[in-house]
N, C-alpha and C. Protein backbone atom coordinates (compact mmCIF):
# COMPACT_ATOMS: atom_id res chain seq x y z
N MET A 1 -77.73 29.28 7.13
CA MET A 1 -76.26 28.71 7.41
C MET A 1 -75.77 27.99 6.53
N GLN A 2 -76.76 26.66 6.28
CA GLN A 2 -76.23 25.16 5.39
C GLN A 2 -76.11 26.18 3.88
N ASN A 3 -77.22 26.97 3.54
CA ASN A 3 -77.30 27.59 2.44
C ASN A 3 -75.65 28.19 2.16
N LYS A 4 -74.95 28.64 2.83
CA LYS A 4 -74.52 30.04 2.98
C LYS A 4 -72.83 28.62 2.52
N ARG A 5 -73.19 27.44 3.55
CA ARG A 5 -71.74 26.76 3.27
C ARG A 5 -71.70 26.39 2.12
N LEU A 6 -72.89 26.19 1.00
CA LEU A 6 -72.92 25.19 -0.35
C LEU A 6 -72.78 26.09 -1.44
N ILE A 7 -72.72 27.42 -1.01
CA ILE A 7 -72.11 28.30 -2.49
C ILE A 7 -71.22 27.93 -2.81
N PRO A 8 -69.60 28.00 -1.77
CA PRO A 8 -68.26 27.17 -2.43
C PRO A 8 -68.56 26.00 -2.96
N LEU A 9 -69.38 25.20 -2.68
CA LEU A 9 -68.92 23.78 -3.22
C LEU A 9 -69.94 23.60 -4.47
N ILE A 10 -70.75 24.89 -4.48
CA ILE A 10 -71.53 24.75 -6.27
C ILE A 10 -70.45 25.47 -7.07
N ILE A 11 -69.41 26.72 -6.50
CA ILE A 11 -68.39 27.07 -7.02
C ILE A 11 -67.60 26.35 -7.66
N LEU A 12 -66.98 25.51 -6.45
CA LEU A 12 -65.71 24.34 -6.87
C LEU A 12 -66.61 23.29 -7.88
N VAL A 13 -67.67 23.64 -7.81
CA VAL A 13 -67.88 21.82 -8.71
C VAL A 13 -68.42 22.61 -10.01
N LEU A 14 -68.08 24.48 -10.17
CA LEU A 14 -68.37 24.85 -11.65
C LEU A 14 -67.05 24.36 -12.14
N ILE A 15 -66.63 25.33 -11.46
CA ILE A 15 -64.46 25.47 -11.62
C ILE A 15 -64.07 24.07 -12.12
N SER A 16 -64.08 22.64 -11.38
CA SER A 16 -64.30 20.88 -12.29
C SER A 16 -64.97 20.45 -12.73
N SER A 17 -66.01 21.80 -13.50
CA SER A 17 -66.96 21.22 -15.20
C SER A 17 -65.37 22.02 -16.02
N VAL A 18 -65.54 23.11 -15.66
CA VAL A 18 -64.51 24.00 -16.53
C VAL A 18 -63.48 23.14 -16.97
N SER A 19 -62.75 22.73 -15.43
CA SER A 19 -61.29 21.93 -15.54
C SER A 19 -61.26 20.72 -16.55
N MET A 20 -61.94 19.83 -16.13
CA MET A 20 -61.84 18.57 -16.48
C MET A 20 -63.27 18.61 -17.63
N GLY A 21 -64.06 18.47 -17.78
CA GLY A 21 -65.09 17.92 -18.23
C GLY A 21 -65.86 18.93 -19.42
N PHE A 22 -65.09 20.28 -19.36
CA PHE A 22 -65.66 21.23 -20.86
C PHE A 22 -64.42 21.13 -21.94
N SER A 23 -64.18 20.07 -22.47
CA SER A 23 -62.99 20.27 -23.58
C SER A 23 -63.58 20.03 -24.90
N GLN A 24 -62.17 20.44 -25.23
CA GLN A 24 -62.35 19.81 -27.01
C GLN A 24 -60.78 19.38 -27.13
N ASN A 25 -61.52 18.96 -28.34
CA ASN A 25 -60.01 18.35 -28.98
C ASN A 25 -59.65 19.42 -30.07
N LYS A 26 -58.25 19.60 -29.78
CA LYS A 26 -57.76 20.73 -30.37
C LYS A 26 -56.00 20.11 -31.28
N GLU A 27 -55.73 20.76 -32.45
CA GLU A 27 -54.42 20.62 -32.74
C GLU A 27 -53.83 20.94 -32.18
N GLU A 28 -52.53 20.20 -31.72
CA GLU A 28 -51.86 20.70 -30.32
C GLU A 28 -50.67 21.86 -30.85
N LYS A 29 -50.60 23.17 -30.41
CA LYS A 29 -49.75 23.77 -30.76
C LYS A 29 -48.94 24.85 -29.40
N LEU A 30 -47.69 25.12 -29.76
CA LEU A 30 -47.57 25.78 -28.33
C LEU A 30 -47.76 27.60 -28.22
N TYR A 31 -47.84 27.83 -27.08
CA TYR A 31 -48.07 29.04 -26.64
C TYR A 31 -46.25 29.78 -26.12
N THR A 32 -46.33 30.94 -26.19
CA THR A 32 -45.64 31.51 -25.40
C THR A 32 -46.10 32.14 -24.07
N VAL A 33 -45.46 32.52 -23.30
CA VAL A 33 -45.91 32.92 -22.14
C VAL A 33 -46.64 34.09 -22.27
N GLN A 34 -46.30 35.03 -23.10
CA GLN A 34 -46.82 36.26 -23.16
C GLN A 34 -47.94 36.03 -23.51
N GLU A 35 -48.28 34.85 -24.83
CA GLU A 35 -49.94 35.03 -25.17
C GLU A 35 -50.20 34.25 -24.40
N THR A 36 -50.12 33.16 -23.44
CA THR A 36 -51.06 33.26 -22.42
C THR A 36 -51.19 33.92 -21.40
N ARG A 37 -50.81 35.08 -21.19
CA ARG A 37 -51.10 35.94 -20.10
C ARG A 37 -51.94 37.25 -20.91
N LEU A 38 -51.71 37.34 -21.46
CA LEU A 38 -52.54 37.90 -23.13
C LEU A 38 -53.67 37.40 -22.93
N ASN A 39 -54.35 36.29 -23.55
CA ASN A 39 -55.42 35.62 -23.33
C ASN A 39 -56.19 35.89 -22.01
N VAL A 40 -55.19 35.63 -20.45
CA VAL A 40 -56.20 35.01 -19.72
C VAL A 40 -56.72 37.02 -19.35
N MET A 41 -55.81 38.05 -19.62
CA MET A 41 -56.41 39.15 -19.73
C MET A 41 -57.18 39.36 -20.71
N LYS A 42 -57.54 39.09 -21.47
CA LYS A 42 -58.40 39.46 -22.27
C LYS A 42 -59.99 38.45 -21.86
N SER A 43 -59.36 37.52 -20.98
CA SER A 43 -60.89 36.77 -20.23
C SER A 43 -61.03 37.04 -19.24
N VAL A 44 -60.50 38.28 -18.40
CA VAL A 44 -60.74 38.46 -17.26
C VAL A 44 -61.67 40.13 -17.71
N LEU A 45 -61.76 40.57 -19.36
CA LEU A 45 -62.62 41.83 -19.99
C LEU A 45 -63.24 41.59 -20.38
N LEU A 46 -63.40 40.25 -20.77
CA LEU A 46 -64.54 39.83 -21.77
C LEU A 46 -64.37 38.37 -21.40
N PRO A 47 -64.61 37.56 -21.02
CA PRO A 47 -64.90 36.20 -20.36
C PRO A 47 -65.43 35.63 -21.91
N GLY A 48 -64.77 34.70 -22.08
CA GLY A 48 -64.90 33.82 -23.81
C GLY A 48 -63.50 34.77 -24.65
N TRP A 49 -63.48 35.67 -24.82
CA TRP A 49 -62.24 36.79 -25.71
C TRP A 49 -60.78 35.56 -25.74
N GLY A 50 -60.13 34.82 -25.01
CA GLY A 50 -58.68 34.04 -24.51
C GLY A 50 -59.93 33.11 -25.38
N GLU A 51 -60.88 32.77 -24.81
CA GLU A 51 -60.84 31.00 -26.46
C GLU A 51 -61.07 31.77 -27.16
N HIS A 52 -61.96 32.27 -27.52
CA HIS A 52 -61.96 32.61 -28.78
C HIS A 52 -60.38 32.97 -29.47
N SER A 53 -59.31 33.65 -29.18
CA SER A 53 -58.17 33.82 -29.59
C SER A 53 -57.47 32.38 -29.76
N LEU A 54 -57.72 31.30 -29.11
CA LEU A 54 -57.02 30.18 -29.33
C LEU A 54 -57.65 29.48 -29.73
N GLY A 55 -59.16 30.08 -30.89
CA GLY A 55 -59.18 28.74 -31.46
C GLY A 55 -60.66 27.93 -30.78
N TYR A 56 -60.84 28.48 -29.85
CA TYR A 56 -62.10 27.34 -29.57
C TYR A 56 -63.29 28.43 -29.02
N LYS A 57 -63.51 28.31 -30.23
CA LYS A 57 -64.97 29.34 -30.91
C LYS A 57 -66.41 29.00 -29.67
N LYS A 58 -66.76 26.96 -29.68
CA LYS A 58 -67.88 27.22 -28.89
C LYS A 58 -67.83 27.62 -27.43
N ARG A 59 -66.60 27.43 -27.11
CA ARG A 59 -66.09 27.56 -25.62
C ARG A 59 -66.63 29.38 -25.65
N GLY A 60 -66.23 29.89 -26.24
CA GLY A 60 -66.08 31.00 -26.13
C GLY A 60 -67.73 31.84 -26.48
N TYR A 61 -68.19 31.46 -27.16
CA TYR A 61 -69.42 31.81 -27.16
C TYR A 61 -70.62 31.79 -26.29
N PHE A 62 -69.64 30.70 -25.36
CA PHE A 62 -70.89 29.83 -24.26
C PHE A 62 -70.09 31.27 -23.81
N PHE A 63 -68.73 31.48 -22.53
CA PHE A 63 -69.00 33.14 -21.82
C PHE A 63 -69.23 33.75 -22.56
N ASN A 64 -69.48 34.18 -23.73
CA ASN A 64 -69.90 35.45 -24.23
C ASN A 64 -71.64 35.52 -24.31
N SER A 65 -72.23 34.77 -24.06
CA SER A 65 -73.40 34.53 -24.15
C SER A 65 -73.40 34.80 -22.23
N THR A 66 -72.87 33.71 -21.92
CA THR A 66 -73.37 33.87 -20.25
C THR A 66 -73.01 35.82 -19.61
N GLU A 67 -71.53 36.27 -20.04
CA GLU A 67 -71.78 37.65 -20.09
C GLU A 67 -72.60 37.97 -20.56
N LEU A 68 -73.13 38.10 -21.50
CA LEU A 68 -74.24 39.13 -22.21
C LEU A 68 -75.67 39.05 -21.91
N LEU A 69 -76.15 37.68 -21.27
CA LEU A 69 -77.43 37.80 -20.10
C LEU A 69 -76.95 38.23 -19.07
N GLY A 70 -75.90 37.92 -18.27
CA GLY A 70 -75.40 38.58 -17.01
C GLY A 70 -75.91 40.55 -16.94
N TRP A 71 -75.31 40.87 -17.82
CA TRP A 71 -75.38 42.36 -17.91
C TRP A 71 -76.85 42.73 -18.40
N LEU A 72 -77.75 42.08 -19.36
CA LEU A 72 -79.43 42.36 -18.99
C LEU A 72 -79.77 42.10 -18.21
N SER A 73 -79.45 40.99 -17.50
CA SER A 73 -79.84 40.74 -16.00
C SER A 73 -80.49 41.68 -15.18
N TYR A 74 -78.33 42.71 -14.73
CA TYR A 74 -77.57 43.54 -14.26
C TYR A 74 -79.23 44.56 -14.35
N ALA A 75 -79.01 45.07 -15.58
CA ALA A 75 -79.32 46.35 -16.29
C ALA A 75 -81.24 45.87 -15.88
N ALA A 76 -81.62 44.94 -16.26
CA ALA A 76 -83.19 44.44 -15.80
C ALA A 76 -83.85 45.28 -14.53
N PHE A 77 -83.04 44.24 -13.45
CA PHE A 77 -83.45 44.38 -12.40
C PHE A 77 -82.67 46.47 -11.69
N THR A 78 -81.53 46.32 -12.09
CA THR A 78 -81.89 47.72 -11.81
C THR A 78 -82.46 48.70 -11.89
N LEU A 79 -82.68 48.40 -13.36
CA LEU A 79 -84.12 49.39 -14.07
C LEU A 79 -85.10 49.73 -12.88
N TYR A 80 -85.74 48.02 -13.20
CA TYR A 80 -86.87 47.94 -11.78
C TYR A 80 -86.45 48.23 -10.73
N SER A 81 -85.71 48.03 -10.06
CA SER A 81 -85.94 48.71 -8.40
C SER A 81 -85.44 49.96 -8.40
N THR A 82 -84.90 50.28 -9.11
CA THR A 82 -84.94 52.05 -9.48
C THR A 82 -86.65 52.44 -9.52
N GLN A 83 -87.08 52.58 -10.81
CA GLN A 83 -88.72 52.47 -10.95
C GLN A 83 -89.61 52.27 -9.76
N SER A 84 -89.63 51.03 -9.08
CA SER A 84 -90.45 50.66 -8.21
C SER A 84 -89.81 51.73 -6.92
N ARG A 85 -89.12 52.19 -7.11
CA ARG A 85 -88.53 52.93 -5.71
C ARG A 85 -89.21 54.57 -5.69
N GLU A 86 -89.70 55.16 -6.92
CA GLU A 86 -89.22 56.12 -7.35
C GLU A 86 -91.37 55.99 -7.09
N ASP A 87 -91.79 54.58 -8.04
CA ASP A 87 -93.44 54.68 -7.94
C ASP A 87 -94.19 54.04 -6.08
N MET A 88 -93.55 53.82 -5.32
CA MET A 88 -93.34 53.72 -4.16
C MET A 88 -93.17 55.03 -3.47
N LYS A 89 -92.24 56.06 -3.62
CA LYS A 89 -92.63 57.19 -3.50
C LYS A 89 -93.96 58.14 -3.69
N ALA A 90 -94.41 57.92 -4.80
CA ALA A 90 -95.27 58.36 -5.49
C ALA A 90 -96.61 58.12 -5.10
N PHE A 91 -96.66 56.78 -4.45
CA PHE A 91 -97.66 56.23 -4.07
C PHE A 91 -98.07 56.41 -2.64
N ALA A 92 -96.72 56.46 -1.74
CA ALA A 92 -96.90 57.22 -0.46
C ALA A 92 -97.28 58.41 0.16
N THR A 93 -96.59 59.45 -1.36
CA THR A 93 -97.46 60.76 -1.00
C THR A 93 -98.68 60.67 -1.41
N ASP A 94 -98.83 60.33 -1.92
CA ASP A 94 -100.83 60.18 -2.63
C ASP A 94 -101.35 59.36 -1.42
N HIS A 95 -101.58 58.73 -0.93
CA HIS A 95 -101.89 57.89 0.18
C HIS A 95 -101.32 58.38 1.79
N ALA A 96 -100.33 58.89 1.78
CA ALA A 96 -99.93 58.47 3.55
C ALA A 96 -99.34 60.42 3.68
N GLY A 97 -99.03 61.03 2.45
CA GLY A 97 -99.02 62.46 2.74
C GLY A 97 -97.14 63.24 3.17
N ILE A 98 -96.92 61.97 2.63
CA ILE A 98 -95.15 61.88 2.83
C ILE A 98 -95.04 62.96 1.78
N THR A 99 -93.52 64.15 2.91
CA THR A 99 -92.81 65.05 1.49
C THR A 99 -91.77 63.92 1.24
N PRO A 100 -90.91 63.35 0.31
CA PRO A 100 -90.20 62.49 0.01
C PRO A 100 -88.62 63.13 0.21
N ALA A 101 -88.49 64.22 -0.50
CA ALA A 101 -87.50 64.98 -0.46
C ALA A 101 -86.61 64.99 1.33
N GLY A 102 -85.24 64.54 1.08
CA GLY A 102 -84.46 63.87 2.18
C GLY A 102 -85.09 62.82 3.18
N LYS A 103 -85.97 62.03 2.88
CA LYS A 103 -86.46 60.63 3.25
C LYS A 103 -84.96 59.65 2.89
N ASP A 104 -84.56 58.83 4.13
CA ASP A 104 -83.78 57.93 3.75
C ASP A 104 -84.49 56.75 4.67
N ASN A 105 -83.64 55.78 3.57
CA ASN A 105 -84.58 53.92 3.35
C ASN A 105 -84.80 53.61 4.84
N GLN A 106 -84.77 53.85 6.23
CA GLN A 106 -85.22 53.60 7.26
C GLN A 106 -86.78 54.36 7.45
N PHE A 107 -86.77 55.50 6.80
CA PHE A 107 -88.04 56.19 6.95
C PHE A 107 -88.95 55.63 6.12
N TYR A 108 -88.77 54.91 5.15
CA TYR A 108 -89.59 54.13 4.10
C TYR A 108 -89.60 52.63 5.01
N THR A 109 -88.87 52.77 5.95
CA THR A 109 -89.55 50.88 6.51
C THR A 109 -89.99 51.48 7.32
N ASP A 110 -89.74 52.71 8.19
CA ASP A 110 -90.48 52.78 9.21
C ASP A 110 -92.11 52.68 9.15
N ILE A 111 -92.66 53.80 7.65
CA ILE A 111 -93.66 54.03 7.00
C ILE A 111 -94.86 52.92 6.70
N GLY A 112 -94.09 51.94 6.42
CA GLY A 112 -94.54 50.49 6.05
C GLY A 112 -94.93 49.96 6.95
N ASN A 113 -94.41 50.21 8.09
CA ASN A 113 -94.99 49.02 9.53
C ASN A 113 -95.67 49.93 10.15
N TYR A 114 -96.23 51.41 10.53
CA TYR A 114 -96.69 52.01 11.01
C TYR A 114 -97.94 53.27 10.35
N MET A 115 -99.23 52.53 11.09
CA MET A 115 -99.96 53.65 10.45
C MET A 115 -100.07 55.52 10.38
N ASN A 116 -99.65 55.79 10.82
CA ASN A 116 -99.10 56.93 10.86
C ASN A 116 -98.07 56.67 12.09
N ILE A 117 -97.63 58.35 11.79
CA ILE A 117 -96.23 58.79 13.08
C ILE A 117 -96.65 58.96 14.46
N HIS A 118 -98.32 58.95 14.40
CA HIS A 118 -98.67 59.11 16.65
C HIS A 118 -97.85 57.40 16.56
N ALA A 119 -98.50 56.41 15.94
CA ALA A 119 -98.54 55.06 15.99
C ALA A 119 -96.78 55.30 16.43
N TYR A 120 -96.13 55.53 15.48
CA TYR A 120 -94.78 55.05 15.71
C TYR A 120 -94.42 55.44 16.79
N ASN A 121 -94.16 57.15 16.99
CA ASN A 121 -93.74 58.04 17.62
C ASN A 121 -94.34 57.32 19.23
N ASP A 122 -95.46 56.63 19.70
CA ASP A 122 -95.79 56.50 20.71
C ASP A 122 -95.44 54.76 21.18
N GLN A 123 -94.87 54.24 20.29
CA GLN A 123 -93.84 52.84 20.68
C GLN A 123 -92.93 53.11 21.19
N LYS A 124 -92.25 54.41 20.23
CA LYS A 124 -90.63 55.25 20.59
C LYS A 124 -90.46 55.09 22.14
N ARG A 125 -92.06 55.96 22.22
CA ARG A 125 -91.92 56.52 23.93
C ARG A 125 -91.97 55.35 25.08
N ARG A 126 -92.64 54.55 24.22
CA ARG A 126 -93.15 53.57 25.35
C ARG A 126 -91.45 52.37 25.52
N TYR A 127 -90.82 52.56 24.83
CA TYR A 127 -89.74 51.81 24.40
C TYR A 127 -88.34 52.68 25.15
N ARG A 128 -88.84 53.53 24.96
CA ARG A 128 -87.72 54.61 25.59
C ARG A 128 -86.63 54.79 24.61
N GLN A 129 -87.10 55.30 23.54
CA GLN A 129 -85.96 55.00 22.34
C GLN A 129 -86.31 56.69 22.16
N ILE A 130 -85.96 57.05 22.32
CA ILE A 130 -86.51 58.77 22.36
C ILE A 130 -85.32 59.82 21.04
N ASP A 131 -84.29 59.04 21.23
CA ASP A 131 -83.70 59.25 19.92
C ASP A 131 -84.20 59.26 18.52
N ARG A 132 -85.31 58.36 18.35
CA ARG A 132 -85.78 57.55 17.55
C ARG A 132 -87.22 57.85 16.91
N ILE A 133 -87.37 59.05 17.95
CA ILE A 133 -89.07 59.69 17.25
C ILE A 133 -89.10 60.87 16.76
N TYR A 134 -89.65 60.90 15.46
CA TYR A 134 -90.27 62.42 14.25
C TYR A 134 -90.45 63.16 14.89
N THR A 135 -90.05 64.41 14.34
CA THR A 135 -91.16 65.28 14.16
C THR A 135 -91.33 65.54 13.28
N GLU A 136 -93.24 66.15 13.61
CA GLU A 136 -94.05 65.62 13.04
C GLU A 136 -94.16 67.38 11.42
N ASP A 137 -93.49 68.08 11.68
CA ASP A 137 -93.65 69.24 10.67
C ASP A 137 -92.54 68.50 9.51
N GLU A 138 -91.63 67.73 9.91
CA GLU A 138 -90.76 67.63 8.71
C GLU A 138 -91.27 65.57 8.75
N MET A 139 -91.21 65.07 8.74
CA MET A 139 -91.70 63.94 9.01
C MET A 139 -93.08 63.07 8.91
N PHE A 140 -93.84 63.93 8.74
CA PHE A 140 -94.44 63.45 8.86
C PHE A 140 -95.70 61.93 8.11
N TRP A 141 -96.66 61.78 8.68
CA TRP A 141 -97.19 60.48 7.39
C TRP A 141 -98.79 59.68 7.85
N ALA A 142 -99.25 60.27 7.59
CA ALA A 142 -100.95 58.71 7.95
C ALA A 142 -101.59 58.60 6.66
N TRP A 143 -101.32 56.74 6.72
CA TRP A 143 -101.85 56.46 5.77
C TRP A 143 -103.37 56.48 5.73
N ASP A 144 -104.18 56.34 4.49
CA ASP A 144 -105.51 56.57 4.38
C ASP A 144 -106.65 55.04 4.69
N SER A 145 -105.90 54.49 4.36
CA SER A 145 -106.20 52.99 4.79
C SER A 145 -104.94 51.56 4.96
N GLU A 146 -105.29 50.64 5.78
CA GLU A 146 -104.15 49.47 5.80
C GLU A 146 -103.81 49.12 5.01
N LYS A 147 -104.67 49.09 4.20
CA LYS A 147 -104.71 48.22 2.44
C LYS A 147 -103.32 48.95 1.79
N ASN A 148 -103.89 50.09 1.80
CA ASN A 148 -102.57 50.75 0.30
C ASN A 148 -101.28 50.79 1.75
N LYS A 149 -101.14 50.94 3.00
CA LYS A 149 -99.38 50.97 3.87
C LYS A 149 -99.33 49.33 3.71
N GLN A 150 -100.41 48.27 3.78
CA GLN A 150 -99.25 47.16 2.85
C GLN A 150 -98.58 46.93 1.67
N LYS A 151 -99.96 47.44 0.36
CA LYS A 151 -99.22 47.60 -0.49
C LYS A 151 -98.23 48.36 -1.05
N PHE A 152 -97.76 49.35 -0.40
CA PHE A 152 -96.18 50.17 -0.39
C PHE A 152 -95.46 49.47 0.14
N ASP A 153 -95.78 48.95 1.38
CA ASP A 153 -94.76 47.99 2.26
C ASP A 153 -94.28 46.66 0.84
N ASP A 154 -95.47 46.61 -0.31
CA ASP A 154 -94.98 45.39 -0.39
C ASP A 154 -94.25 45.76 -2.21
N MET A 155 -93.98 47.34 -2.31
CA MET A 155 -93.38 47.67 -3.14
C MET A 155 -92.08 48.37 -2.69
N ARG A 156 -92.00 48.61 -1.59
CA ARG A 156 -90.82 48.78 -1.22
C ARG A 156 -90.12 47.54 -1.12
N LEU A 157 -89.81 46.33 -0.79
CA LEU A 157 -89.72 45.24 -1.04
C LEU A 157 -89.35 45.33 -1.96
N ASN A 158 -90.36 44.72 -3.18
CA ASN A 158 -90.21 44.57 -4.24
C ASN A 158 -89.09 45.16 -5.05
N SER A 159 -88.59 46.58 -4.47
CA SER A 159 -87.44 47.03 -4.77
C SER A 159 -86.16 47.19 -4.48
N ARG A 160 -86.75 46.41 -3.29
CA ARG A 160 -85.36 45.86 -2.73
C ARG A 160 -84.61 44.76 -2.73
N LEU A 161 -85.47 43.88 -3.33
CA LEU A 161 -84.96 42.27 -3.52
C LEU A 161 -84.90 42.87 -5.03
N ALA A 162 -85.01 43.21 -5.85
CA ALA A 162 -84.30 43.82 -7.43
C ALA A 162 -83.12 44.31 -7.33
N LYS A 163 -82.62 45.55 -6.36
CA LYS A 163 -81.57 45.54 -5.95
C LYS A 163 -80.58 44.52 -5.36
N ARG A 164 -81.43 44.02 -4.66
CA ARG A 164 -80.35 42.41 -4.19
C ARG A 164 -79.92 41.87 -5.43
N ASN A 165 -80.88 41.70 -6.56
CA ASN A 165 -80.63 40.40 -7.47
C ASN A 165 -79.65 40.65 -8.19
N ALA A 166 -79.93 42.25 -8.52
CA ALA A 166 -78.89 42.95 -9.29
C ALA A 166 -77.46 42.90 -8.53
N SER A 167 -77.10 42.67 -7.11
CA SER A 167 -76.62 42.42 -6.81
C SER A 167 -75.14 40.63 -6.79
N LEU A 168 -76.56 39.65 -6.44
CA LEU A 168 -75.89 38.73 -7.19
C LEU A 168 -75.21 38.55 -8.02
N VAL A 169 -76.05 39.30 -9.79
CA VAL A 169 -75.56 38.81 -10.75
C VAL A 169 -74.26 39.81 -11.01
N VAL A 170 -73.87 41.09 -10.58
CA VAL A 170 -72.50 40.86 -10.32
C VAL A 170 -71.39 40.03 -9.36
N SER A 171 -71.93 39.46 -8.78
CA SER A 171 -71.14 38.21 -8.50
C SER A 171 -71.80 37.22 -9.36
N THR A 172 -72.05 36.84 -10.61
CA THR A 172 -72.20 35.74 -11.69
C THR A 172 -71.17 36.21 -12.43
N LEU A 173 -71.51 37.76 -12.63
CA LEU A 173 -70.05 38.47 -13.55
C LEU A 173 -68.82 38.20 -13.77
N ILE A 174 -68.75 38.23 -11.91
CA ILE A 174 -67.14 37.75 -11.62
C ILE A 174 -66.56 36.61 -11.61
N LEU A 175 -67.65 35.40 -11.47
CA LEU A 175 -67.68 33.95 -11.75
C LEU A 175 -67.50 33.74 -13.14
N ASN A 176 -68.30 34.48 -13.72
CA ASN A 176 -67.57 34.01 -15.18
C ASN A 176 -66.23 34.29 -15.03
N ARG A 177 -65.89 35.50 -15.06
CA ARG A 177 -64.40 35.71 -15.64
C ARG A 177 -63.27 35.00 -14.97
N LEU A 178 -63.75 34.35 -14.13
CA LEU A 178 -62.92 33.85 -12.89
C LEU A 178 -63.09 32.18 -13.82
N LEU A 179 -64.67 31.60 -14.09
CA LEU A 179 -64.19 29.99 -14.82
C LEU A 179 -63.92 30.52 -16.46
N SER A 180 -63.31 31.32 -17.01
CA SER A 180 -63.36 31.48 -18.13
C SER A 180 -61.52 31.81 -18.01
N VAL A 181 -60.32 32.65 -16.82
CA VAL A 181 -59.81 32.56 -16.53
C VAL A 181 -58.73 31.21 -16.82
N ILE A 182 -59.85 30.71 -16.03
CA ILE A 182 -59.45 28.74 -15.70
C ILE A 182 -59.42 28.11 -16.56
N ASP A 183 -60.83 28.34 -17.68
CA ASP A 183 -60.55 27.92 -18.30
C ASP A 183 -58.79 27.79 -19.63
N ILE A 184 -58.90 28.90 -19.64
CA ILE A 184 -57.04 29.51 -20.10
C ILE A 184 -56.85 28.42 -19.81
N ALA A 185 -56.29 28.83 -18.52
CA ALA A 185 -55.07 28.02 -17.77
C ALA A 185 -54.91 26.32 -18.14
N THR A 186 -56.56 25.85 -17.96
CA THR A 186 -56.58 25.00 -18.13
C THR A 186 -56.52 24.21 -20.18
N LEU A 187 -56.80 24.77 -20.92
CA LEU A 187 -55.92 24.63 -22.46
C LEU A 187 -54.62 24.65 -22.81
N THR A 188 -53.94 25.77 -22.34
CA THR A 188 -52.51 26.09 -22.53
C THR A 188 -51.67 25.21 -21.55
N LYS A 189 -52.56 24.27 -20.62
CA LYS A 189 -51.51 23.62 -19.94
C LYS A 189 -50.58 22.33 -20.68
N ASN A 190 -49.26 22.74 -20.00
CA ASN A 190 -48.36 21.77 -20.91
C ASN A 190 -48.46 21.77 -22.43
N LYS A 191 -48.62 23.58 -22.38
CA LYS A 191 -48.49 23.43 -24.05
C LYS A 191 -47.90 24.93 -24.53
N VAL A 192 -47.05 25.41 -23.39
CA VAL A 192 -46.59 26.96 -23.46
C VAL A 192 -44.38 26.23 -23.43
N ASP A 193 -44.78 27.27 -24.66
CA ASP A 193 -42.68 26.74 -25.19
C ASP A 193 -41.71 27.28 -23.97
N ASN A 194 -42.57 27.17 -22.84
CA ASN A 194 -41.05 28.24 -21.70
C ASN A 194 -41.83 27.56 -20.71
N PRO A 195 -40.80 26.41 -19.63
CA PRO A 195 -41.19 26.07 -18.78
C PRO A 195 -42.25 27.36 -17.82
N TYR A 196 -43.21 26.48 -17.44
CA TYR A 196 -43.67 27.77 -16.04
C TYR A 196 -44.72 26.77 -15.50
N SER A 197 -45.80 27.10 -14.76
CA SER A 197 -46.79 26.27 -13.78
C SER A 197 -47.96 27.04 -14.00
N ASN A 198 -49.00 26.62 -14.45
CA ASN A 198 -50.11 27.26 -14.60
C ASN A 198 -51.16 26.38 -13.45
N ASP A 199 -50.53 26.48 -12.06
CA ASP A 199 -51.55 25.00 -11.35
C ASP A 199 -52.48 25.57 -10.93
N LEU A 200 -53.55 25.26 -11.30
CA LEU A 200 -54.90 25.56 -10.08
C LEU A 200 -54.74 25.18 -9.24
N GLU A 201 -55.40 25.56 -7.71
CA GLU A 201 -55.40 25.29 -6.64
C GLU A 201 -56.90 25.07 -5.82
N ALA A 202 -57.46 24.87 -5.51
CA ALA A 202 -59.12 25.46 -5.36
C ALA A 202 -59.18 24.89 -3.45
N MET A 203 -59.14 25.51 -2.76
CA MET A 203 -59.49 24.40 -1.14
C MET A 203 -60.54 25.27 -0.11
N ILE A 204 -61.32 24.94 0.61
CA ILE A 204 -62.85 25.32 1.47
C ILE A 204 -62.47 25.33 2.55
N ILE A 205 -62.54 26.43 3.25
CA ILE A 205 -61.77 26.32 4.77
C ILE A 205 -63.17 26.98 5.58
N PRO A 206 -63.67 25.43 6.45
CA PRO A 206 -64.83 25.98 6.87
C PRO A 206 -64.32 26.51 8.58
N GLU A 207 -65.73 27.62 8.66
CA GLU A 207 -64.75 28.49 9.81
C GLU A 207 -65.82 28.80 10.48
N ARG A 208 -66.35 28.97 12.21
CA ARG A 208 -67.52 29.23 12.31
C ARG A 208 -68.44 29.92 12.12
N ASP A 209 -68.61 30.79 12.02
CA ASP A 209 -69.72 31.93 11.23
C ASP A 209 -69.91 32.28 9.84
N LYS A 210 -68.66 30.71 8.99
CA LYS A 210 -68.92 31.25 6.90
C LYS A 210 -68.16 30.25 7.05
N THR A 211 -68.06 29.97 5.38
CA THR A 211 -66.84 28.81 5.02
C THR A 211 -66.61 29.92 3.54
N THR A 212 -65.28 29.85 3.89
CA THR A 212 -64.26 30.36 2.62
C THR A 212 -63.65 29.55 2.11
N MET A 213 -63.73 30.45 -0.03
CA MET A 213 -62.71 29.17 -0.89
C MET A 213 -61.49 30.04 -1.23
N THR A 214 -60.18 29.41 -1.33
CA THR A 214 -59.45 30.13 -1.92
C THR A 214 -58.94 29.40 -2.95
N ILE A 215 -57.97 30.31 -3.48
CA ILE A 215 -58.69 29.55 -5.15
C ILE A 215 -57.04 30.41 -5.39
N SER A 216 -55.88 29.61 -5.68
CA SER A 216 -55.10 29.92 -6.44
C SER A 216 -53.99 29.31 -7.67
N PHE A 217 -53.75 30.40 -7.98
CA PHE A 217 -53.21 30.22 -9.43
C PHE A 217 -51.70 31.24 -9.80
N ARG A 218 -51.07 30.03 -10.79
CA ARG A 218 -49.91 30.39 -10.59
C ARG A 218 -49.38 29.92 -12.35
N PHE A 219 -48.87 30.98 -12.80
CA PHE A 219 -47.89 31.18 -13.86
C PHE A 219 -46.22 30.66 -13.58
């Protein structure tokens, strides 16, 4: 729970770094509201694009590099997760005699925890969970050794972890866009030839079971 509460704080620190500490002195230039909005949209589509348009090449390359690294990481985690899952199914077919077709995630979780379908069904009967009993003709499995059962479960967990990491990378890609937009707002603040407000506010709200962060950005 404590770690979950730290995530918004880390994001706020990153925002502050972009807004205050990540600056380059450039020749003063006024931008139209339309130009600023266009640069914001560029940063949403490709972080760093807006910075390049404003002439801040180093900042643009920083966001570009982060974006490229993010997509490469996402592809790697997704590929690893998919391949590990296929290897897991093949391993269970060879060493537990399963038929992979039509099996869901819960089935693979169960066969990683029980040596065979009989041990699984016996426990469900003891706990009166009759609706969770498997039929032997469709859902049969019987591991040839405890070692192989454990190896299978490790493969399953690795696949699941890689899939979760891919989801976290997506969050990083979204954050990269947010920071690039904030950077554009910082770079063009007080440099627009038509009065407007591009104030940025970030507020952390502690709640009973979670902590939320609200970000407000106005043109």
